[in-house]
Amino acid sequence: MTIENEYIRLIFGLKLKQIRTEKNLSLFGLAKLTGLSKSYLNEIEKGKKYPKTDKIALLSEKLEIPYDHMVSLKLDKNLAPIGEILQSKILKEIPLELFGIKENNLIDIIANAPAKVNAFISTIIKIAQNYNLTRESFFLASLRSYQEAHNNYFDEIENDVEKFAKAYHINLNTPIKSKDLEDILIEEFGYTIDLKELSKHEDLAELRNIFIPNKKTLLIYNNITEAQKTFIFAKELAYNFLKIENRLYTFPWVKFESFDQVLNNFIASYFAGALIIPKKNLTEKLKAFFALPNWQPLELHKIVLSYNCSDETFYQRLTNILPKYFNIKNLFFLRFTHKENTPEYRLSKELHITQQQTPHANRNHEHYCRRWISIKTIEKLEKSTNKKSAFGIQISSYENSNNEYLVLSTATSDPFKQEINRSVSIGMLLSPHLKKKMAFLKEDTFDKRTVGVTCETCSVENCKERMATPWRLEKQFRYDKIAETVDKIITSYT
């Protein structure tokens, strides 16, 4: 395996600094000892320069360290985790510039305080191991942080959508059909659309599509809905119009090679959502809807139906538009999945804008609160006879918190997985600003429920929906009581 020069320089610098420190030598002292300049030694320790053979031999001699040990890429045990994370190239996989961070700055931090950085990295690794944090989970968490840092609105992509629509004479004020986008893929970008091949493979039933780059062939599962097909075509157009080559080839994706592919998948998905649900059109409809004096769910349903999209695409699009054009930034998006006749509900997707609102994906295998409308809509769907969709809305009041959220939720069955149902929800902080924006948001308009996070941490008494005892909360109460008693004893002696 070829190891990057940058990595080799940094490892040598870390080792030199460690050896110098162990021998209680300052940079000035090492310079006097070796006859090398202090500035030159400083650049070596920071990983900016790698000394020539004669200089390494000189350092080896004066520091009384074997030459082979000096040039070895193996770090001592107390610095080994730093070597692992550098050699893994994780810093190369994540585009740090997205967060305003320069890789050189990180390297300087590592070089200046290797022991502290090592302890931090070791802690992160242990946390990741304890919570089964996979590379995929890490990348998705990085992507969410990127979205949240920008309030999940990206002007450049929005502008690209309008340029695309203008270039291909697409009317953004009328519903976009899959056939319109399919024609552009075939005639402009030389695509072949195959609706038969993917359906021959039973083990691929969960996939909507596969793209074969060398043939420019798009394999599509033949039973997908018109809305799903439109979204897939819109994503493919994004890859081509934006000239994105480093991409994923399946939807949903099953493997990736780098963070860039995960990021580019998000960019293409954002483009598709913005094309199918144009910002100006949606903003006008939402303004009219929010101005209604009374809550009319049918009017909201009409807005959703006016676009050729799934409920999930619509709810996700709201997370772009509400913060930007209505200044509703304290909001979250959740997607839950549930296998029928099983006790576990899984939070499979989440996004939190400006605040870290509850809930978050549970890594401790605890039971999510069954009072959430997100779960109630799934239960409602599973009890219904047609099982097409279920809708719910409530004000969720979190225990031990002054925050209340207006939460809308829709549940549907998963068309690609038997006996699996899912819900998508958007929650907005109930604030004076929200009440001002939504004329229909009056006292007692919606059901209000006190909710917890997980049963294991919830203090709500006489809860009929409780699935487990609040043992985590009881444990905390017990520790607090012990601490209180200890404080009293100490005080009594003083």
Protein backbone atom coordinates (compact mmCIF):
# COMPACT_ATOMS: atom_id res chain seq x y z
CA MET A 1 0.00 0.00 0.00
CA THR A 2 1.34 3.46 -0.87
CA ILE A 3 1.41 5.71 2.16
CA GLU A 4 1.09 9.43 1.53
CA ASN A 5 4.15 11.62 2.08
CA GLU A 6 2.10 13.85 4.33
CA TYR A 7 1.39 10.92 6.64
CA ILE A 8 5.08 9.91 6.71
CA ARG A 9 6.16 13.48 7.55
CA LEU A 10 3.61 13.79 10.34
CA ILE A 11 4.51 10.45 11.92
CA PHE A 12 8.22 11.34 11.91
CA GLY A 13 7.44 14.74 13.43
CA LEU A 14 5.30 13.21 16.16
CA LYS A 15 8.03 10.72 17.03
CA LEU A 16 10.74 13.37 17.10
CA LYS A 17 8.66 15.61 19.38
CA GLN A 18 7.87 12.69 21.68
CA ILE A 19 11.56 11.70 21.95
CA ARG A 20 12.65 15.30 22.54
CA THR A 21 10.02 15.79 25.24
CA GLU A 22 10.93 12.53 27.00
CA LYS A 23 14.56 13.74 27.15
CA ASN A 24 13.42 17.09 28.62
CA LEU A 25 14.88 18.99 25.67
CA SER A 26 13.44 22.25 24.35
CA LEU A 27 13.52 23.00 20.64
CA PHE A 28 16.30 25.46 21.42
CA GLY A 29 18.18 22.71 23.30
CA LEU A 30 17.80 20.22 20.44
CA ALA A 31 19.02 22.86 18.00
CA LYS A 32 22.15 23.44 20.12
CA LEU A 33 22.70 19.69 20.45
CA THR A 34 22.42 18.92 16.73
CA GLY A 35 23.54 22.14 15.09
CA LEU A 36 20.22 22.26 13.15
CA SER A 37 18.17 25.44 13.22
CA LYS A 38 15.26 25.74 15.64
CA SER A 39 12.87 26.77 12.83
CA TYR A 40 13.88 23.74 10.75
CA LEU A 41 13.30 21.36 13.68
CA ASN A 42 9.95 23.03 14.38
CA GLU A 43 8.81 22.42 10.78
CA ILE A 44 9.89 18.76 11.06
CA GLU A 45 7.87 18.28 14.26
CA LYS A 46 4.80 19.85 12.66
CA GLY A 47 5.01 17.44 9.74
CA LYS A 48 5.82 20.14 7.20
CA LYS A 49 9.28 18.81 6.34
CA TYR A 50 10.96 15.41 6.25
CA PRO A 51 14.72 15.45 6.93
CA LYS A 52 17.26 13.94 4.56
CA THR A 53 19.12 10.76 5.48
CA ASP A 54 22.18 12.55 6.90
CA LYS A 55 19.98 14.73 9.12
CA ILE A 56 18.07 11.68 10.43
CA ALA A 57 21.42 10.00 11.19
CA LEU A 58 22.53 13.10 13.07
CA LEU A 59 19.31 13.20 15.13
CA SER A 60 19.62 9.47 15.82
CA GLU A 61 23.18 9.89 17.07
CA LYS A 62 22.60 12.95 19.27
CA LEU A 63 19.33 11.65 20.75
CA GLU A 64 20.81 8.14 21.21
CA ILE A 65 17.87 6.53 19.41
CA PRO A 66 18.35 3.73 16.82
CA TYR A 67 18.05 4.98 13.23
CA ASP A 68 15.54 2.24 12.38
CA HIS A 69 13.28 3.37 15.21
CA MET A 70 13.44 6.97 13.98
CA VAL A 71 12.26 6.09 10.46
CA SER A 72 9.78 3.39 11.46
CA LEU A 73 6.11 4.29 10.86
CA LYS A 74 5.11 2.43 14.00
CA LEU A 75 4.12 4.72 16.84
CA ASP A 76 4.46 3.98 20.53
CA LYS A 77 1.36 2.67 22.26
CA ASN A 78 0.35 6.05 23.68
CA LEU A 79 0.27 7.58 20.17
CA ALA A 80 -0.93 4.55 18.21
CA PRO A 81 -4.58 5.72 17.80
CA ILE A 82 -3.37 8.91 16.08
CA GLY A 83 -1.43 6.79 13.61
CA GLU A 84 -4.50 4.63 12.99
CA ILE A 85 -6.80 7.55 12.24
CA LEU A 86 -4.22 9.21 9.99
CA GLN A 87 -3.43 6.01 8.12
CA SER A 88 -7.14 5.25 7.71
CA LYS A 89 -7.35 8.47 5.64
CA ILE A 90 -10.58 9.44 7.39
CA LEU A 91 -9.45 13.09 7.19
CA LYS A 92 -9.22 12.69 3.41
CA GLU A 93 -12.65 11.07 3.14
CA ILE A 94 -14.52 13.87 4.85
CA PRO A 95 -14.39 17.22 3.01
CA LEU A 96 -13.42 19.30 6.03
CA GLU A 97 -13.81 22.48 4.03
CA LEU A 98 -17.60 22.02 4.25
CA PHE A 99 -17.29 22.92 7.92
CA GLY A 100 -14.73 25.69 7.37
CA ILE A 101 -11.84 23.51 8.60
CA LYS A 102 -8.47 23.21 6.88
CA GLU A 103 -6.72 19.87 7.13
CA ASN A 104 -3.41 21.63 7.81
CA ASN A 105 -4.96 23.23 10.89
CA LEU A 106 -5.96 19.82 12.22
CA ILE A 107 -2.46 18.50 11.59
CA ASP A 108 -0.99 21.47 13.51
CA ILE A 109 -3.29 20.69 16.45
CA ILE A 110 -2.20 17.05 16.41
CA ALA A 111 1.46 18.02 16.23
CA ASN A 112 1.22 20.62 19.01
CA ALA A 113 -0.68 18.49 21.54
CA PRO A 114 -0.34 14.84 20.47
CA ALA A 115 -1.01 13.35 23.91
CA LYS A 116 -4.28 15.29 24.39
CA VAL A 117 -5.40 14.61 20.82
CA ASN A 118 -4.57 10.94 21.30
CA ALA A 119 -6.70 10.80 24.46
CA PHE A 120 -9.56 12.50 22.62
CA ILE A 121 -9.32 10.14 19.65
CA SER A 122 -9.17 7.11 21.97
CA THR A 123 -12.33 8.34 23.69
CA ILE A 124 -14.14 8.81 20.38
CA ILE A 125 -13.11 5.32 19.24
CA LYS A 126 -14.37 3.76 22.49
CA ILE A 127 -17.68 5.62 22.26
CA ALA A 128 -18.04 4.47 18.65
CA GLN A 129 -17.35 0.87 19.64
CA ASN A 130 -19.78 0.95 22.57
CA TYR A 131 -22.54 2.39 20.42
CA ASN A 132 -21.75 0.28 17.36
CA LEU A 133 -21.03 3.43 15.35
CA THR A 134 -20.25 2.22 11.85
CA ARG A 135 -18.43 4.10 9.12
CA GLU A 136 -21.82 4.58 7.47
CA SER A 137 -23.33 6.05 10.64
CA PHE A 138 -20.35 8.37 11.04
CA PHE A 139 -20.69 9.67 7.48
CA LEU A 140 -24.46 10.16 7.83
CA ALA A 141 -23.94 12.04 11.10
CA SER A 142 -21.39 14.26 9.32
CA LEU A 143 -23.88 14.90 6.52
CA ARG A 144 -26.64 15.82 8.99
CA SER A 145 -24.29 18.25 10.71
CA TYR A 146 -23.56 19.83 7.32
CA GLN A 147 -27.28 20.17 6.58
CA GLU A 148 -28.04 21.60 10.00
CA ALA A 149 -25.16 24.10 9.74
CA HIS A 150 -26.85 25.52 6.61
CA ASN A 151 -30.43 25.30 7.95
CA ASN A 152 -30.85 22.62 5.29
CA TYR A 153 -31.17 25.22 2.53
CA PHE A 154 -28.69 25.46 -0.35
CA ASP A 155 -29.05 28.43 -2.68
CA GLU A 156 -26.62 27.06 -5.25
CA ILE A 157 -28.65 23.89 -5.78
CA GLU A 158 -31.91 25.87 -5.89
CA ASN A 159 -30.41 28.12 -8.58
CA ASP A 160 -29.17 25.09 -10.53
CA VAL A 161 -32.71 23.71 -10.57
CA GLU A 162 -34.02 26.95 -12.09
CA LYS A 163 -31.21 26.95 -14.69
CA PHE A 164 -32.07 23.35 -15.57
CA ALA A 165 -35.78 24.13 -15.90
CA LYS A 166 -35.03 27.09 -18.15
CA ALA A 167 -32.58 25.13 -20.31
CA TYR A 168 -35.07 22.32 -20.92
CA HIS A 169 -38.29 24.41 -20.98
CA ILE A 170 -39.80 22.78 -17.90
CA ASN A 171 -42.78 24.62 -16.44
CA LEU A 172 -42.21 24.70 -12.67
CA ASN A 173 -45.82 25.78 -12.06
CA THR A 174 -47.31 22.50 -13.30
CA PRO A 175 -46.81 18.97 -11.90
CA ILE A 176 -43.71 17.30 -13.38
CA LYS A 177 -44.25 13.83 -14.83
CA SER A 178 -41.71 11.04 -15.10
CA LYS A 179 -42.14 10.91 -18.91
CA ASP A 180 -40.95 14.53 -19.22
CA LEU A 181 -37.72 13.71 -17.36
CA GLU A 182 -37.26 10.33 -19.03
CA ASP A 183 -37.24 11.97 -22.46
CA ILE A 184 -34.43 14.32 -21.39
CA LEU A 185 -32.38 11.43 -19.98
CA ILE A 186 -32.71 9.46 -23.23
CA GLU A 187 -32.40 12.22 -25.82
CA GLU A 188 -29.96 14.56 -24.10
CA PHE A 189 -27.80 12.22 -22.02
CA GLY A 190 -28.04 8.98 -23.99
CA TYR A 191 -29.66 6.86 -21.31
CA THR A 192 -31.29 3.45 -21.82
CA ILE A 193 -34.16 2.71 -19.43
CA ASP A 194 -34.71 -0.98 -18.60
CA LEU A 195 -37.89 -1.89 -16.68
CA LYS A 196 -37.47 -5.68 -16.87
CA GLU A 197 -34.02 -6.81 -15.70
CA LEU A 198 -34.18 -5.72 -12.06
CA SER A 199 -37.51 -7.46 -11.49
CA LYS A 200 -35.95 -10.83 -12.43
CA HIS A 201 -33.85 -10.87 -9.26
CA GLU A 202 -35.87 -11.67 -6.13
CA ASP A 203 -32.96 -10.87 -3.81
CA LEU A 204 -32.96 -7.28 -5.14
CA ALA A 205 -36.62 -6.61 -4.40
CA GLU A 206 -35.72 -3.79 -1.99
CA LEU A 207 -33.93 -1.77 -4.70
CA ARG A 208 -35.72 0.83 -6.81
CA ASN A 209 -32.97 1.18 -9.39
CA ILE A 210 -29.39 0.38 -10.44
CA PHE A 211 -27.31 2.57 -12.74
CA ILE A 212 -24.73 0.90 -14.99
CA PRO A 213 -22.26 3.67 -15.87
CA ASN A 214 -20.32 2.10 -18.75
CA LYS A 215 -23.59 1.43 -20.63
CA LYS A 216 -25.51 4.47 -19.35
CA THR A 217 -28.30 2.05 -18.55
CA LEU A 218 -30.79 2.65 -15.75
CA LEU A 219 -32.43 -0.51 -14.40
CA ILE A 220 -35.73 0.30 -12.67
CA TYR A 221 -37.97 -1.99 -10.64
CA ASN A 222 -41.17 -2.30 -12.62
CA ASN A 223 -43.60 -1.90 -9.70
CA ILE A 224 -42.48 1.49 -8.44
CA THR A 225 -44.99 4.33 -8.30
CA GLU A 226 -45.11 7.26 -10.70
CA ALA A 227 -43.81 9.54 -7.92
CA GLN A 228 -40.86 7.25 -7.20
CA LYS A 229 -39.99 7.00 -10.88
CA THR A 230 -40.10 10.79 -11.22
CA PHE A 231 -37.76 11.20 -8.25
CA ILE A 232 -35.30 8.63 -9.64
CA PHE A 233 -35.21 10.35 -13.04
CA ALA A 234 -34.76 13.74 -11.36
CA LYS A 235 -31.77 12.42 -9.40
CA GLU A 236 -30.18 11.04 -12.56
CA LEU A 237 -30.65 14.39 -14.25
CA ALA A 238 -28.96 16.06 -11.27
CA TYR A 239 -25.89 13.82 -11.63
CA ASN A 240 -25.65 14.68 -15.32
CA PHE A 241 -26.59 18.37 -15.28
CA LEU A 242 -24.28 19.08 -12.32
CA LYS A 243 -21.56 16.86 -13.84
CA ILE A 244 -21.23 14.69 -10.74
CA GLU A 245 -19.14 11.61 -11.49
CA ASN A 246 -18.28 10.30 -8.02
CA ARG A 247 -21.69 8.87 -7.23
CA LEU A 248 -23.68 5.95 -5.86
CA TYR A 249 -25.20 3.48 -8.30
CA THR A 250 -28.21 2.12 -6.42
CA PHE A 251 -31.27 3.55 -4.72
CA PRO A 252 -31.50 2.96 -1.88
CA TRP A 253 -27.71 2.71 -1.68
CA VAL A 254 -26.12 -0.50 -0.45
CA LYS A 255 -22.44 0.48 -0.38
CA PHE A 256 -20.23 3.52 -0.78
CA GLU A 257 -16.55 4.20 -1.28
CA SER A 258 -16.17 7.69 0.23
CA PHE A 259 -17.94 10.52 2.00
CA ASP A 260 -18.01 12.39 -1.33
CA GLN A 261 -20.41 9.77 -2.68
CA VAL A 262 -22.70 10.19 0.33
CA LEU A 263 -22.58 13.98 -0.04
CA ASN A 264 -23.20 13.83 -3.80
CA ASN A 265 -26.16 11.53 -3.22
CA PHE A 266 -27.62 14.20 -0.92
CA ILE A 267 -26.98 16.93 -3.50
CA ALA A 268 -28.73 14.91 -6.23
CA SER A 269 -31.65 14.13 -3.89
CA TYR A 270 -31.96 17.80 -2.91
CA PHE A 271 -31.94 18.77 -6.60
CA ALA A 272 -34.68 16.21 -7.32
CA GLY A 273 -36.88 17.45 -4.46
CA ALA A 274 -36.38 21.09 -5.51
CA LEU A 275 -37.26 20.26 -9.13
CA ILE A 276 -40.40 18.28 -8.28
CA ILE A 277 -41.51 20.76 -5.59
CA PRO A 278 -40.32 24.22 -6.78
CA LYS A 279 -39.61 26.71 -4.01
CA LYS A 280 -41.66 29.64 -5.39
CA ASN A 281 -44.71 27.50 -6.06
CA LEU A 282 -44.60 25.80 -2.66
CA THR A 283 -43.96 29.05 -0.80
CA GLU A 284 -47.04 30.68 -2.34
CA LYS A 285 -49.24 27.70 -1.46
CA LEU A 286 -47.94 27.54 2.11
CA LYS A 287 -48.56 31.26 2.63
CA ALA A 288 -52.18 30.82 1.55
CA PHE A 289 -52.56 27.73 3.73
CA PHE A 290 -51.05 29.36 6.82
CA ALA A 291 -53.42 32.32 6.37
CA LEU A 292 -56.51 30.11 6.77
CA PRO A 293 -58.46 31.11 9.91
CA ASN A 294 -59.23 27.49 10.78
CA TRP A 295 -57.29 24.24 10.55
CA GLN A 296 -58.25 22.44 7.32
CA PRO A 297 -56.23 19.24 6.83
CA LEU A 298 -57.89 18.64 3.46
CA GLU A 299 -56.27 21.83 2.14
CA LEU A 300 -52.85 20.58 3.22
CA HIS A 301 -53.60 17.26 1.55
CA LYS A 302 -54.44 19.12 -1.67
CA ILE A 303 -51.06 20.85 -1.59
CA VAL A 304 -49.27 17.50 -1.27
CA LEU A 305 -51.32 16.03 -4.13
CA SER A 306 -50.52 19.00 -6.35
CA TYR A 307 -46.97 17.62 -6.68
CA ASN A 308 -45.90 14.32 -8.17
CA CYS A 309 -44.13 13.24 -4.99
CA SER A 310 -44.24 10.95 -1.98
CA ASP A 311 -45.19 12.17 1.49
CA GLU A 312 -41.56 11.79 2.55
CA THR A 313 -40.29 13.98 -0.31
CA PHE A 314 -42.87 16.64 0.59
CA TYR A 315 -42.03 16.65 4.31
CA GLN A 316 -38.31 16.79 3.55
CA ARG A 317 -38.91 19.70 1.20
CA LEU A 318 -40.63 21.54 4.04
CA THR A 319 -37.37 21.34 6.00
CA ASN A 320 -35.74 23.36 3.18
CA ILE A 321 -38.48 25.95 2.73
CA LEU A 322 -39.78 26.65 6.26
CA PRO A 323 -36.46 27.85 7.73
CA LYS A 324 -35.58 29.97 4.68
CA TYR A 325 -38.87 31.62 3.71
CA PHE A 326 -40.90 31.49 6.94
CA ASN A 327 -38.07 31.74 9.50
CA ILE A 328 -39.38 28.56 11.15
CA LYS A 329 -35.99 27.15 12.09
CA ASN A 330 -36.70 25.24 15.29
CA LEU A 331 -37.94 22.11 13.60
CA PHE A 332 -37.14 18.44 13.14
CA PHE A 333 -37.83 15.67 10.63
CA LEU A 334 -38.22 12.01 11.63
CA ARG A 335 -38.80 8.75 9.78
CA PHE A 336 -39.84 5.68 11.78
CA THR A 337 -40.15 2.11 10.52
CA HIS A 338 -42.00 -0.80 12.13
CA LYS A 339 -42.37 -4.48 11.36
CA GLU A 340 -45.93 -5.57 12.09
CA ASN A 341 -46.54 -7.59 15.27
CA THR A 342 -43.16 -6.67 16.75
CA PRO A 343 -42.45 -4.33 19.71
CA GLU A 344 -39.58 -2.38 18.14
CA TYR A 345 -39.93 0.93 16.30
CA ARG A 346 -36.78 2.12 14.55
CA LEU A 347 -35.86 5.76 13.95
CA SER A 348 -34.29 5.35 10.51
CA LYS A 349 -33.83 9.00 9.55
CA GLU A 350 -33.64 12.28 11.45
CA LEU A 351 -32.79 15.93 10.94
CA HIS A 352 -32.75 18.72 13.54
CA ILE A 353 -32.52 22.37 12.51
CA THR A 354 -30.91 24.93 14.90
CA GLN A 355 -31.71 22.97 18.06
CA GLN A 356 -30.96 19.40 19.08
CA GLN A 357 -34.60 18.53 19.57
CA THR A 358 -35.67 15.21 20.97
CA PRO A 359 -35.84 12.48 19.87
CA HIS A 360 -32.61 11.14 18.45
CA ALA A 361 -31.82 7.68 17.14
CA ASN A 362 -31.63 5.42 20.19
CA ARG A 363 -28.36 3.47 20.47
CA ASN A 364 -29.32 1.80 23.76
CA HIS A 365 -32.19 -0.33 22.38
CA GLU A 366 -34.69 1.37 24.65
CA HIS A 367 -38.38 1.75 23.86
CA TYR A 368 -39.40 4.98 22.14
CA CYS A 369 -42.38 6.77 23.69
CA ARG A 370 -45.60 5.33 22.24
CA ARG A 371 -47.36 8.65 22.79
CA TRP A 372 -45.56 10.23 19.84
CA ILE A 373 -47.79 10.95 16.87
CA SER A 374 -45.07 9.39 14.68
CA ILE A 375 -45.80 6.02 16.25
CA LYS A 376 -49.53 6.63 16.66
CA THR A 377 -49.96 7.10 12.91
CA ILE A 378 -48.24 3.77 12.23
CA GLU A 379 -50.54 2.09 14.77
CA LYS A 380 -53.52 3.78 13.12
CA LEU A 381 -52.40 2.53 9.70
CA GLU A 382 -51.95 -1.04 10.91
CA LYS A 383 -55.45 -1.06 12.43
CA SER A 384 -57.12 0.29 9.29
CA THR A 385 -58.63 -1.94 6.62
CA ASN A 386 -57.25 -0.28 3.47
CA LYS A 387 -53.71 0.31 4.81
CA LYS A 388 -53.03 3.00 2.23
CA SER A 389 -52.11 5.86 4.54
CA ALA A 390 -52.81 7.45 7.90
CA PHE A 391 -52.42 11.04 9.04
CA GLY A 392 -52.10 12.56 12.48
CA ILE A 393 -51.29 15.85 14.19
CA GLN A 394 -50.72 16.74 17.81
CA ILE A 395 -48.94 19.13 20.13
CA SER A 396 -46.23 17.20 21.91
CA SER A 397 -45.35 18.55 25.33
CA TYR A 398 -42.12 17.05 26.61
CA GLU A 399 -41.99 16.21 30.31
CA ASN A 400 -39.49 18.23 32.37
CA SER A 401 -39.33 20.80 29.56
CA ASN A 402 -41.13 23.98 28.61
CA ASN A 403 -40.86 23.17 24.92
CA GLU A 404 -43.92 22.12 22.94
CA TYR A 405 -43.92 21.05 19.29
CA LEU A 406 -46.62 21.01 16.66
CA VAL A 407 -46.01 17.67 14.95
CA LEU A 408 -47.53 16.48 11.66
CA SER A 409 -47.14 12.83 10.71
CA THR A 410 -48.10 10.54 7.81
CA ALA A 411 -47.77 6.75 7.74
CA THR A 412 -47.75 4.40 4.75
CA SER A 413 -46.77 0.80 4.12
CA ASP A 414 -43.35 0.11 2.60
CA PRO A 415 -43.99 -1.04 -1.00
CA PHE A 416 -40.72 -2.96 -1.11
CA LYS A 417 -40.78 -4.73 2.24
CA GLN A 418 -43.58 -6.99 3.39
CA GLU A 419 -45.25 -6.18 6.71
CA ILE A 420 -43.08 -3.07 7.15
CA ASN A 421 -44.74 0.29 7.76
CA ARG A 422 -43.20 3.69 8.15
CA SER A 423 -44.10 7.22 9.16
CA VAL A 424 -42.58 10.59 8.34
CA SER A 425 -43.07 13.54 10.66
CA ILE A 426 -42.15 17.18 10.89
CA GLY A 427 -42.19 18.96 14.24
CA MET A 428 -42.11 22.75 14.76
CA LEU A 429 -41.42 24.51 18.05
CA LEU A 430 -44.62 26.06 19.37
CA SER A 431 -43.49 29.68 19.69
CA PRO A 432 -45.10 33.14 19.36
CA HIS A 433 -43.47 33.37 15.93
CA LEU A 434 -45.11 30.11 14.79
CA LYS A 435 -48.52 31.22 16.10
CA LYS A 436 -48.10 34.50 14.20
CA LYS A 437 -47.26 32.66 10.98
CA MET A 438 -50.13 30.15 11.24
CA ALA A 439 -53.49 31.87 11.66
CA PHE A 440 -55.27 28.60 12.45
CA LEU A 441 -52.96 27.81 15.37
CA LYS A 442 -55.26 28.69 18.26
CA GLU A 443 -55.68 27.35 21.77
CA ASP A 444 -57.26 23.88 21.84
CA THR A 445 -57.06 23.52 18.05
CA PHE A 446 -55.06 20.29 18.37
CA ASP A 447 -54.80 17.45 20.85
CA LYS A 448 -51.99 17.95 23.32
CA ARG A 449 -50.09 15.05 24.86
CA THR A 450 -47.28 14.88 27.36
CA VAL A 451 -44.57 12.70 25.85
CA GLY A 452 -41.27 11.25 26.95
CA VAL A 453 -38.25 10.12 25.01
CA THR A 454 -37.93 6.47 25.95
CA CYS A 455 -39.94 4.47 28.50
CA GLU A 456 -36.73 3.78 30.38
CA THR A 457 -36.18 7.52 31.00
CA CYS A 458 -39.79 8.70 31.34
CA SER A 459 -41.46 9.84 34.58
CA VAL A 460 -45.02 10.06 33.22
CA GLU A 461 -47.21 8.20 35.71
CA ASN A 462 -50.03 5.78 34.87
CA CYS A 463 -49.00 5.66 31.24
CA LYS A 464 -51.08 3.07 29.40
CA GLU A 465 -48.63 2.98 26.52
CA ARG A 466 -45.59 2.24 28.69
CA MET A 467 -43.50 -0.64 27.32
CA ALA A 468 -40.81 -0.81 30.02
CA THR A 469 -40.12 0.40 33.55
CA PRO A 470 -38.28 3.72 33.91
CA TRP A 471 -35.19 2.00 35.31
CA ARG A 472 -32.74 4.58 33.96
CA LEU A 473 -34.68 7.38 35.62
CA GLU A 474 -35.03 5.42 38.86
CA LYS A 475 -31.29 4.77 38.85
CA GLN A 476 -30.61 8.50 38.46
CA PHE A 477 -33.05 9.34 41.25
CA ARG A 478 -31.31 6.80 43.49
CA TYR A 479 -27.89 8.31 42.80
CA ASP A 480 -29.23 11.83 43.37
CA LYS A 481 -30.68 10.76 46.73
CA ILE A 482 -27.36 9.21 47.76
CA ALA A 483 -25.50 12.37 46.74
CA GLU A 484 -27.99 14.51 48.73
CA THR A 485 -27.53 12.37 51.86
CA VAL A 486 -23.73 12.48 51.52
CA ASP A 487 -23.85 16.29 51.26
CA LYS A 488 -25.96 16.48 54.42
CA ILE A 489 -23.53 14.29 56.35
CA ILE A 490 -20.55 16.37 55.23
CA THR A 491 -22.38 19.57 56.15
CA SER A 492 -23.26 18.23 59.61
CA TYR A 493 -19.54 17.77 60.36
CA THR A 494 -18.66 21.31 59.37
